[in-house]
Protein backbone atom coordinates (compact mmCIF):
# COMPACT_ATOMS: atom_id res chain seq x y z
CA MET A 1 0.00 0.00 0.00
CA TYR A 2 1.45 3.35 -1.07
CA LEU A 3 1.74 6.44 1.13
CA GLY A 4 1.21 9.88 -0.34
CA VAL A 5 2.36 12.60 2.05
CA ASN A 6 0.44 15.87 1.75
CA ILE A 7 2.72 18.80 2.60
CA ASP A 8 0.14 21.60 2.38
CA HIS A 9 0.31 22.30 6.11
CA ILE A 10 4.00 23.15 5.90
CA ALA A 11 3.04 25.96 3.54
CA LEU A 12 0.09 26.85 5.79
CA LEU A 13 2.49 27.36 8.70
CA ARG A 14 4.67 29.56 6.50
CA GLU A 15 1.70 31.67 5.42
CA ALA A 16 0.62 32.18 9.02
CA ARG A 17 3.45 34.71 9.30
CA ALA A 18 3.72 35.59 5.60
CA ILE A 19 7.42 34.76 5.53
CA ASN A 20 9.56 32.20 3.68
CA ASP A 21 9.97 29.63 6.45
CA PRO A 22 9.27 26.71 6.64
CA ASP A 23 9.77 25.88 2.98
CA PRO A 24 7.70 22.92 1.65
CA LEU A 25 10.60 22.12 -0.69
CA ASP A 26 12.67 20.99 2.29
CA ALA A 27 10.21 18.14 2.90
CA LEU A 28 10.82 16.38 -0.41
CA GLY A 29 14.07 14.57 0.35
CA ILE A 30 13.06 13.80 3.91
CA ALA A 31 9.73 12.31 2.83
CA ARG A 32 11.47 10.11 0.26
CA ARG A 33 14.10 8.96 2.76
CA ALA A 34 11.39 8.12 5.30
CA GLY A 35 9.50 5.86 2.89
CA ALA A 36 6.86 8.07 1.25
CA ASP A 37 5.79 7.00 -2.23
CA GLN A 38 4.26 10.27 -3.42
CA ILE A 39 4.09 13.98 -2.66
CA THR A 40 0.57 15.40 -2.59
CA ILE A 41 -0.22 19.12 -2.71
CA HIS A 42 -3.41 21.15 -3.15
CA LEU A 43 -3.21 24.26 -5.29
CA ARG A 44 -6.30 26.11 -4.14
CA GLU A 45 -7.93 28.97 -6.00
CA ASP A 46 -7.29 31.28 -3.01
CA ARG A 47 -3.63 30.09 -2.67
CA ARG A 48 -4.05 29.92 1.09
CA HIS A 49 -1.04 27.62 1.44
CA ILE A 50 0.66 26.10 -1.63
CA ASN A 51 1.24 28.69 -4.36
CA ASP A 52 2.31 28.49 -8.00
CA ASP A 53 5.98 29.02 -7.18
CA ASP A 54 5.84 26.14 -4.69
CA VAL A 55 4.37 23.87 -7.36
CA ALA A 56 7.03 24.82 -9.89
CA ARG A 57 9.87 24.18 -7.45
CA ILE A 58 8.36 20.93 -6.18
CA MET A 59 7.86 19.63 -9.71
CA GLN A 60 11.44 20.51 -10.58
CA ASN A 61 13.03 18.95 -7.50
CA SER A 62 10.85 16.02 -6.39
CA HIS A 63 12.21 12.52 -6.99
CA LEU A 64 8.80 11.17 -6.00
CA PRO A 65 5.66 11.37 -8.18
CA VAL A 66 3.63 14.51 -7.50
CA ASN A 67 -0.15 14.44 -7.12
CA ILE A 68 -1.74 17.90 -7.40
CA GLU A 69 -5.24 18.42 -6.05
CA CYS A 70 -7.30 21.21 -7.57
CA SER A 71 -10.85 22.36 -8.27
CA ILE A 72 -12.63 21.82 -11.58
CA ASN A 73 -12.39 25.53 -12.39
CA PRO A 74 -11.18 25.59 -16.04
CA GLU A 75 -8.51 28.18 -15.17
CA MET A 76 -7.13 25.92 -12.43
CA ILE A 77 -7.18 22.89 -14.72
CA GLU A 78 -5.09 24.79 -17.27
CA ILE A 79 -2.63 26.02 -14.64
CA VAL A 80 -2.17 22.61 -13.05
CA GLY A 81 -2.00 20.83 -16.40
CA ALA A 82 0.92 23.04 -17.44
CA PHE A 83 2.99 21.63 -14.58
CA ARG A 84 2.56 18.07 -15.95
CA PRO A 85 2.30 16.26 -12.58
CA ALA A 86 2.05 12.47 -12.44
CA ARG A 87 -1.56 12.83 -11.31
CA VAL A 88 -4.25 15.46 -10.83
CA THR A 89 -6.94 14.80 -8.23
CA LEU A 90 -10.08 16.82 -8.83
CA VAL A 91 -11.70 17.96 -5.58
CA PRO A 92 -14.61 20.17 -4.52
CA GLU A 93 -13.54 23.55 -3.23
CA LYS A 94 -15.26 26.37 -1.32
CA ARG A 95 -13.58 29.60 -0.29
CA GLU A 96 -15.13 29.57 3.19
CA GLU A 97 -14.16 26.00 4.13
CA VAL A 98 -11.32 25.18 6.51
CA THR A 99 -10.47 22.07 4.51
CA THR A 100 -12.10 20.03 1.74
CA GLU A 101 -15.32 18.62 3.15
CA GLY A 102 -17.04 15.81 1.28
CA GLY A 103 -16.57 14.44 -2.20
CA LEU A 104 -17.37 15.85 -5.61
CA ASP A 105 -20.95 16.17 -6.77
CA LEU A 106 -20.47 14.06 -9.89
CA GLY A 107 -24.01 14.44 -11.19
CA GLY A 108 -24.18 18.19 -10.76
CA ASN A 109 -20.75 18.76 -12.30
CA TYR A 110 -20.65 15.98 -14.88
CA GLU A 111 -20.07 18.19 -17.94
CA ALA A 112 -17.35 20.25 -16.26
CA LEU A 113 -15.68 17.11 -14.99
CA ASP A 114 -15.85 15.49 -18.41
CA GLN A 115 -14.11 18.49 -19.97
CA ALA A 116 -11.46 18.63 -17.24
CA VAL A 117 -10.68 14.91 -17.48
CA PHE A 118 -10.49 15.08 -21.28
CA TYR A 119 -8.08 18.03 -21.13
CA LEU A 120 -5.78 16.40 -18.57
CA LYS A 121 -5.78 12.99 -20.24
CA ARG A 122 -4.69 14.63 -23.50
CA LEU A 123 -1.65 15.84 -21.57
CA GLU A 124 -1.02 12.21 -20.50
CA ILE A 125 -1.71 13.00 -16.85
CA GLU A 126 -3.41 10.44 -14.62
CA VAL A 127 -6.69 11.74 -13.23
CA SER A 128 -8.37 10.92 -9.93
CA LEU A 129 -11.72 12.02 -8.52
CA PHE A 130 -12.20 12.74 -4.82
CA ILE A 131 -15.59 11.17 -4.08
CA ASP A 132 -17.81 10.01 -1.26
CA PRO A 133 -17.72 6.21 -0.92
CA THR A 134 -20.80 5.00 -2.78
CA VAL A 135 -21.09 2.46 -5.58
CA GLU A 136 -23.14 4.99 -7.55
CA ASN A 137 -20.21 7.41 -7.48
CA ILE A 138 -17.88 4.64 -8.60
CA LYS A 139 -20.08 3.97 -11.65
CA SER A 140 -20.11 7.68 -12.52
CA ALA A 141 -16.32 7.90 -12.11
CA LYS A 142 -15.84 5.00 -14.51
CA GLY A 143 -18.06 6.78 -17.03
CA LEU A 144 -15.71 9.75 -16.86
CA ALA A 145 -12.77 7.53 -17.87
CA VAL A 146 -10.55 8.44 -14.91
CA ASP A 147 -7.65 6.31 -13.69
CA TRP A 148 -8.18 6.62 -9.94
CA VAL A 149 -10.84 7.36 -7.37
CA GLU A 150 -9.93 8.73 -3.96
CA LEU A 151 -12.54 7.79 -1.39
CA HIS A 152 -13.35 10.47 1.16
CA THR A 153 -12.68 9.08 4.65
CA GLY A 154 -13.88 12.16 6.55
CA LYS A 155 -17.12 10.55 7.73
CA TYR A 156 -15.24 7.52 9.06
CA ALA A 157 -12.64 9.74 10.77
CA ASN A 158 -15.28 11.91 12.43
CA ILE A 159 -17.19 8.91 13.81
CA TYR A 160 -13.95 7.35 15.03
CA ALA A 161 -13.05 10.56 16.85
CA MET A 162 -16.48 10.80 18.51
CA LEU A 163 -16.31 7.17 19.60
CA ASN A 164 -12.92 7.66 21.20
CA THR A 165 -13.74 10.93 22.92
CA ASN A 166 -13.82 10.63 26.69
CA LEU A 167 -17.59 10.63 26.99
CA ALA A 168 -17.31 10.13 30.73
CA GLN A 169 -16.56 13.84 30.99
CA THR A 170 -20.05 14.66 29.79
CA LYS A 171 -23.15 14.91 31.96
CA HIS A 172 -24.64 11.69 30.61
CA CYS A 173 -25.30 8.82 32.98
CA ILE A 174 -23.58 5.45 32.43
CA LYS A 175 -26.61 3.98 30.70
CA GLU A 176 -26.78 6.88 28.25
CA LEU A 177 -23.03 6.59 27.62
CA ASN A 178 -23.35 2.90 26.77
CA VAL A 179 -26.24 3.61 24.40
CA GLU A 180 -24.24 6.34 22.68
CA ARG A 181 -21.16 4.14 22.33
CA THR A 182 -23.27 1.33 20.85
CA ARG A 183 -24.78 3.77 18.35
CA LEU A 184 -21.37 5.11 17.34
CA LYS A 185 -19.91 1.61 16.97
CA LYS A 186 -22.71 0.72 14.56
CA MET A 187 -22.12 3.92 12.63
CA LEU A 188 -18.39 3.19 12.43
CA LYS A 189 -19.02 -0.34 11.19
CA THR A 190 -21.38 0.99 8.53
CA SER A 191 -18.85 3.62 7.44
CA ILE A 192 -16.08 1.03 7.08
CA LYS A 193 -18.45 -1.19 5.09
CA GLU A 194 -19.22 1.70 2.73
CA LEU A 195 -15.51 2.25 2.12
CA GLU A 196 -14.89 -1.46 1.64
CA ASP A 197 -17.81 -1.96 -0.76
CA SER A 198 -16.78 1.09 -2.79
CA ALA A 199 -13.16 -0.02 -2.96
CA ILE A 200 -14.16 -3.52 -4.07
CA ALA A 201 -16.50 -2.18 -6.73
CA ALA A 202 -13.93 0.31 -8.00
CA LYS A 203 -11.08 -2.16 -8.33
CA ASN A 204 -12.82 -5.46 -9.11
CA ASP A 205 -15.88 -4.35 -11.06
CA TYR A 206 -14.65 -1.23 -12.83
CA GLY A 207 -10.87 -1.58 -12.99
CA LEU A 208 -10.13 1.68 -11.17
CA LYS A 209 -7.20 2.29 -8.83
CA VAL A 210 -8.28 3.19 -5.31
CA ALA A 211 -6.85 5.78 -2.96
CA VAL A 212 -8.32 7.13 0.28
CA GLY A 213 -7.81 10.29 2.25
CA HIS A 214 -9.10 12.95 4.65
CA GLY A 215 -8.86 12.85 8.43
CA LEU A 216 -6.68 9.75 8.57
CA ASN A 217 -4.23 9.66 11.47
CA TYR A 218 -2.08 7.36 13.59
CA GLN A 219 -5.07 6.11 15.59
CA ASN A 220 -7.70 5.44 12.94
CA VAL A 221 -5.64 4.22 9.98
CA SER A 222 -5.47 0.60 11.16
CA ASP A 223 -9.02 -0.25 10.08
CA ILE A 224 -8.50 1.33 6.67
CA VAL A 225 -5.33 -0.58 5.77
CA LYS A 226 -7.21 -3.86 6.23
CA ILE A 227 -9.19 -3.12 3.06
CA GLN A 228 -7.05 -4.91 0.50
CA GLU A 229 -8.44 -3.13 -2.55
CA ILE A 230 -7.06 0.22 -1.36
CA GLU A 231 -3.74 0.94 -3.04
CA GLU A 232 -2.83 4.32 -1.60
CA LEU A 233 -3.34 6.55 1.42
CA ASN A 234 -2.97 10.34 1.19
CA ILE A 235 -2.24 11.76 4.64
CA GLY A 236 -1.08 15.23 5.57
CA GLN A 237 -2.29 17.13 8.64
CA SER A 238 -1.68 14.36 11.18
CA ILE A 239 1.85 13.73 9.88
CA ILE A 240 2.78 17.43 9.94
CA ALA A 241 1.24 17.81 13.40
CA ARG A 242 3.19 14.86 14.76
CA SER A 243 6.41 16.14 13.22
CA ILE A 244 6.35 19.10 15.60
CA PHE A 245 7.19 16.69 18.41
CA THR A 246 9.03 13.84 16.66
CA GLY A 247 10.52 15.45 13.55
CA PHE A 248 9.18 15.09 10.02
CA GLU A 249 11.24 12.05 9.08
CA ASN A 250 10.16 10.09 12.16
CA ALA A 251 6.54 11.11 11.65
CA VAL A 252 6.53 9.75 8.09
CA LYS A 253 8.36 6.58 9.18
CA GLU A 254 5.84 5.94 11.94
CA MET A 255 2.94 6.22 9.48
CA ARG A 256 4.80 4.01 7.02
CA ASP A 257 5.24 1.37 9.75
CA LEU A 258 1.55 1.49 10.65
CA ILE A 259 0.61 0.90 7.02
CA LYS A 260 2.95 -2.11 6.87
């Protein structure tokens, strides 16, 4: 199973003070040495973290394949396509969001997606769609002739976090706590099943490569790596957060070990 390391949050830390440090470029060699298989970056329309200069320098210096996430805005597709990354992952994007929430609306954006995929494929760039884990979405993705789907794991991650919150600190009685935990466990099981069914359908029924991402961390990744049809994990925030205390190389190595 491959590990794509998203380095957006290095740039986000830099932009917090509007200076030139830390530089996302410094992460490339360390990530490779630590066992990463891919560098993932998101070039947003508002350039809140990664900017065009970052992309140019990363593309020029990375010895690992680069996966660029971007919106389906035609201007962004043209900009990203010019960099000729190994892969472009099309994602939904809203200016007001903290991070990408939920997968693409394939039905509502089918024509725009079709045009974007056609343009990128002509440039011989692999294309992935960031989607919610449903078999219906898998079918639509296949119809768009993409190479990959990346299943959104945000729902799973949120349920996992709620389940592992110390509910004893709340005002609920023990009986209510047990009922809540039972409910969350069922929700978690359902969420994992959705991811598994979607991954199986994508790989076995439609011949698509399967990645997953969003909200994955050192605690919740173990259930995800059991799904054999998943070929790649894209993880960023939790690795960068951990690197504050352990160093970036150790943080990547620890995630690599968990995946193994």
